[in-house]
Protein backbone atom coordinates (compact mmCIF):
# COMPACT_ATOMS: atom_id res chain seq x y z
CA MET A 1 20.34 0.83 -22.32
CA LYS A 2 17.06 -0.25 -23.91
CA TYR A 3 13.92 -2.03 -22.83
CA ALA A 4 11.38 -4.02 -24.81
CA ARG A 5 7.85 -4.70 -23.56
CA LEU A 6 6.71 -8.15 -24.67
CA THR A 7 3.54 -10.18 -24.69
CA GLY A 8 3.97 -13.90 -25.20
CA THR A 9 1.15 -16.23 -26.22
CA PRO A 10 2.15 -19.90 -26.17
CA ASP A 11 0.57 -22.28 -28.68
CA PRO A 12 -2.41 -23.79 -26.80
CA GLU A 13 -1.63 -27.20 -28.31
CA ARG A 14 1.96 -27.16 -27.02
CA THR A 15 1.66 -25.15 -23.82
CA PRO A 16 3.28 -26.63 -20.67
CA GLU A 17 0.91 -27.54 -17.87
CA ILE A 18 2.74 -25.05 -15.65
CA PHE A 19 1.74 -22.16 -17.90
CA ASP A 20 -1.85 -23.36 -18.24
CA LEU A 21 -2.10 -23.54 -14.47
CA LEU A 22 -1.02 -19.91 -14.06
CA ALA A 23 -2.57 -18.25 -17.11
CA ARG A 24 -5.45 -20.38 -18.39
CA SER A 25 -7.02 -22.21 -15.46
CA SER A 26 -10.56 -21.28 -14.40
CA PHE A 27 -9.53 -20.89 -10.76
CA VAL A 28 -6.69 -18.38 -11.29
CA ASP A 29 -7.50 -14.81 -12.31
CA GLU A 30 -3.93 -13.53 -12.48
CA ALA A 31 -0.43 -14.44 -11.35
CA ARG A 32 2.55 -12.10 -10.89
CA LEU A 33 6.09 -13.44 -10.85
CA TYR A 34 8.18 -11.24 -8.55
CA ASP A 35 11.48 -13.09 -8.37
CA TRP A 36 13.28 -16.29 -9.22
CA ASN A 37 16.51 -18.10 -8.55
CA LEU A 38 18.29 -20.44 -10.99
CA SER A 39 20.17 -23.48 -9.71
CA SER A 40 21.82 -26.32 -11.62
CA ASP A 41 18.61 -28.23 -12.31
CA ALA A 42 15.73 -26.11 -11.02
CA VAL A 43 14.06 -22.71 -11.03
CA THR A 44 12.67 -21.44 -7.72
CA ALA A 45 9.96 -18.86 -8.41
CA LEU A 46 8.16 -16.47 -6.07
CA LEU A 47 4.71 -15.38 -7.23
CA GLU A 48 1.56 -13.71 -5.99
CA VAL A 49 -1.60 -15.32 -7.28
CA ASP A 50 -5.20 -14.12 -7.41
CA GLY A 51 -7.25 -17.29 -7.27
CA GLU A 52 -8.36 -20.33 -5.30
CA ARG A 53 -5.46 -21.40 -3.12
CA GLU A 54 -6.66 -24.91 -2.20
CA ARG A 55 -7.67 -25.76 -5.76
CA PHE A 56 -4.33 -24.50 -7.03
CA ARG A 57 -2.38 -26.67 -4.61
CA ASP A 58 -4.42 -29.75 -5.53
CA GLU A 59 -3.91 -29.22 -9.26
CA ALA A 60 -0.22 -28.30 -8.96
CA ALA A 61 0.57 -31.63 -7.32
CA ASP A 62 0.08 -33.40 -10.66
CA VAL A 63 1.68 -30.83 -12.97
CA LEU A 64 4.68 -32.01 -14.96
CA GLY A 65 7.80 -30.09 -14.00
CA MET A 66 6.44 -28.80 -10.69
CA ARG A 67 8.80 -30.24 -8.09
CA SER A 68 7.28 -28.56 -5.04
CA VAL A 69 4.72 -25.92 -4.10
CA ASP A 70 4.44 -23.84 -0.93
CA THR A 71 1.62 -21.31 -0.50
CA THR A 72 0.77 -18.66 2.07
CA ARG A 73 -2.68 -17.08 2.29
CA ILE A 74 -2.86 -13.30 1.85
CA SER A 75 -6.62 -12.87 1.63
CA GLU A 76 -9.67 -14.84 0.56
CA ARG A 77 -8.61 -15.00 -3.10
CA ARG A 78 -4.92 -14.07 -2.98
CA PHE A 79 -1.89 -16.07 -1.93
CA THR A 80 1.89 -16.13 -2.19
CA LEU A 81 3.36 -19.05 -4.11
CA LEU A 82 6.89 -20.44 -3.84
CA ALA A 83 7.31 -23.03 -6.60
CA VAL A 84 10.31 -25.16 -7.53
CA LEU A 85 10.24 -26.02 -11.24
CA GLU A 86 12.26 -28.55 -13.25
CA PRO A 87 12.91 -27.07 -16.71
CA THR A 88 14.72 -30.19 -17.93
CA VAL A 89 11.45 -32.17 -18.08
CA VAL A 90 9.54 -29.38 -19.90
CA PRO A 91 11.31 -28.59 -23.21
CA LEU A 92 9.52 -25.28 -23.81
CA LEU A 93 10.32 -24.06 -20.30
CA GLN A 94 13.93 -25.15 -20.69
CA GLY A 95 14.20 -23.28 -24.00
CA LEU A 96 12.67 -20.15 -22.49
CA VAL A 97 14.99 -20.19 -19.47
CA GLY A 98 17.94 -20.54 -21.81
CA THR A 99 16.77 -17.58 -23.90
CA ILE A 100 16.41 -15.13 -21.01
CA SER A 101 19.37 -16.35 -18.92
CA ARG A 102 22.03 -14.66 -21.01
CA GLU A 103 24.80 -12.20 -20.28
CA GLY A 104 23.73 -8.58 -20.55
CA LEU A 105 19.99 -9.25 -20.25
CA VAL A 106 17.67 -8.62 -17.31
CA VAL A 107 14.01 -9.52 -17.06
CA ALA A 108 12.32 -6.70 -15.12
CA LYS A 109 9.85 -7.86 -12.50
CA PRO A 110 7.03 -8.52 -12.16
CA LEU A 111 5.96 -10.78 -15.01
CA LEU A 112 2.19 -10.97 -15.42
CA TYR A 113 0.32 -14.17 -16.34
CA ARG A 114 -3.28 -13.65 -17.41
CA ASP A 115 -5.78 -14.72 -20.08
CA GLY A 116 -3.45 -17.19 -21.72
CA GLN A 117 -0.58 -14.71 -22.05
CA VAL A 118 2.53 -13.59 -20.23
CA HIS A 119 3.50 -9.90 -20.14
CA ALA A 120 7.12 -8.95 -19.47
CA ARG A 121 9.80 -6.34 -19.97
CA ILE A 122 13.41 -7.18 -20.82
CA VAL A 123 16.32 -4.77 -20.42
CA GLY A 124 19.74 -4.63 -22.06
CA SER A 125 21.63 -3.25 -25.03
CA ALA A 126 19.85 -3.19 -28.38
CA PRO A 127 21.89 -6.10 -29.84
CA VAL A 128 21.28 -8.28 -26.77
CA LEU A 129 17.53 -7.58 -26.83
CA GLN A 130 17.38 -8.36 -30.54
CA ARG A 131 19.15 -11.70 -30.09
CA ALA A 132 16.84 -12.65 -27.23
CA VAL A 133 13.75 -11.85 -29.30
CA ASP A 134 15.13 -13.74 -32.31
CA GLU A 135 15.83 -16.83 -30.21
CA PHE A 136 12.50 -17.06 -28.38
CA PRO A 137 10.99 -20.54 -28.70
CA ALA A 138 8.89 -20.88 -31.84
CA GLU A 139 5.98 -22.21 -29.75
CA ILE A 140 5.51 -18.73 -28.27
CA ALA A 141 3.92 -16.04 -30.44
CA LEU A 142 5.73 -12.87 -29.41
CA GLU A 143 4.35 -9.34 -29.68
CA ILE A 144 6.56 -6.32 -28.97
CA SER A 145 4.33 -3.48 -27.74
CA ALA A 146 7.04 -0.95 -26.86
CA ILE A 147 10.77 -0.32 -27.21
CA GLY A 148 12.60 2.58 -25.63
CA GLU A 149 15.27 3.91 -23.32
CA PHE A 150 15.12 2.28 -19.91
CA ASP A 151 14.60 4.59 -16.93
CA ARG A 152 12.61 4.81 -13.72
CA SER A 153 9.46 3.88 -15.61
CA ARG A 154 10.27 0.31 -14.65
CA GLU A 155 8.83 1.16 -11.24
CA THR A 156 5.09 0.56 -11.12
CA PRO A 157 2.74 2.99 -9.32
CA LEU A 158 2.24 0.35 -6.62
CA SER A 159 5.94 -0.16 -5.89
CA GLY A 160 6.01 2.32 -3.01
CA LEU A 161 3.06 0.82 -1.14
CA SER A 162 3.27 -1.57 1.78
CA ASP A 163 1.83 -5.04 1.26
CA ARG A 164 -1.25 -4.17 3.33
CA GLN A 165 -1.83 -0.87 1.51
CA ARG A 166 -1.56 -2.62 -1.84
CA GLU A 167 -3.92 -5.36 -0.68
CA ALA A 168 -6.48 -2.77 0.48
CA LEU A 169 -6.26 -0.85 -2.79
CA LEU A 170 -6.70 -3.98 -4.93
CA ALA A 171 -9.59 -5.18 -2.78
CA ALA A 172 -11.31 -1.79 -3.05
CA PHE A 173 -10.87 -1.76 -6.83
CA ASP A 174 -12.17 -5.31 -7.16
CA LEU A 175 -15.24 -4.55 -5.04
CA GLY A 176 -16.15 -1.45 -7.04
CA TYR A 177 -15.14 1.12 -4.43
CA TYR A 178 -13.68 3.38 -7.12
CA GLU A 179 -16.55 3.09 -9.55
CA HIS A 180 -19.13 5.84 -10.08
CA PRO A 181 -21.53 5.42 -8.48
CA ARG A 182 -19.56 3.62 -5.80
CA ARG A 183 -20.51 -0.06 -5.37
CA ALA A 184 -18.68 -0.71 -2.10
CA THR A 185 -17.91 0.96 1.22
CA HIS A 186 -15.07 0.93 3.73
CA GLU A 187 -17.02 -1.77 5.54
CA ASP A 188 -16.99 -3.96 2.43
CA VAL A 189 -13.25 -3.50 2.01
CA ALA A 190 -12.73 -4.25 5.70
CA ALA A 191 -14.72 -7.47 5.38
CA ARG A 192 -12.52 -8.57 2.47
CA LEU A 193 -9.35 -7.74 4.45
CA ASP A 194 -10.71 -9.18 7.70
CA CYS A 195 -10.01 -5.97 9.63
CA ALA A 196 -11.91 -3.06 11.20
CA PRO A 197 -13.49 -0.44 8.86
CA ASN A 198 -11.33 2.37 10.25
CA THR A 199 -8.22 0.26 9.60
CA ALA A 200 -9.29 -0.37 6.00
CA SER A 201 -9.95 3.36 5.60
CA GLU A 202 -6.49 4.20 6.92
CA HIS A 203 -4.81 1.75 4.53
CA LEU A 204 -6.71 3.23 1.58
CA GLN A 205 -5.95 6.82 2.52
CA LYS A 206 -2.22 6.17 2.90
CA ALA A 207 -2.13 4.26 -0.40
CA GLU A 208 -4.01 7.01 -2.23
CA ILE A 209 -1.74 9.73 -0.81
CA LYS A 210 1.36 7.85 -1.96
CA LEU A 211 -0.02 7.24 -5.45
CA VAL A 212 -1.16 10.84 -5.96
CA THR A 213 2.10 12.24 -4.57
CA ASP A 214 4.24 10.04 -6.83
CA VAL A 215 2.23 10.88 -9.95
CA LEU A 216 2.21 14.64 -9.33
CA ARG A 217 5.87 14.71 -8.32
CA SER A 218 6.81 13.01 -11.61
CA GLU A 219 4.90 15.73 -13.47
CA PHE A 220 6.71 18.53 -11.68
CA VAL A 221 10.19 17.14 -12.32
CA ARG A 222 9.76 16.63 -16.07
């Protein structure tokens, strides 16, 4: 079983509005696609977005192929997005869905949308991966950054954290808590999370313990 790590850059002149909204808009820093469900005429996608929730909802209402949008606030600049998309009215999206929805192929989650690109990992046998790459829509410039045997590396370092621990860690990183010299305190992280400083400290400590334990354990078992 193989995996291929891909970076796709759609042609700016032919990019669907849906992609521009997620990966090129000034009010979205990053979007992560965690799951989706295919039905006869729609794709229901679950994402986590770093950006301006209200602005996103306003803009999404007029995007071609976006049937419905439901958002839930996580923090000041993060929200969960449940979007129902109509591939049949967006040719590039329809072609892409057809390429990845094939027997013997799995798209490992999450997919990352940022800076005009989408980053993904696909898993399957070597022939299946090759056919998928060969049949990607021509409007998407595809770069293969890695190919190898698929194993537990598909799990990200943040996979074992709770939602709140992950949120605290990302907030601390964004605020400069882990820079040297440190640019933020537990109080700053707490303000971002809208919780007490000791609660923010507890979330960070538990997240750090899990990350360090997982990294060191992987070293010992090699």
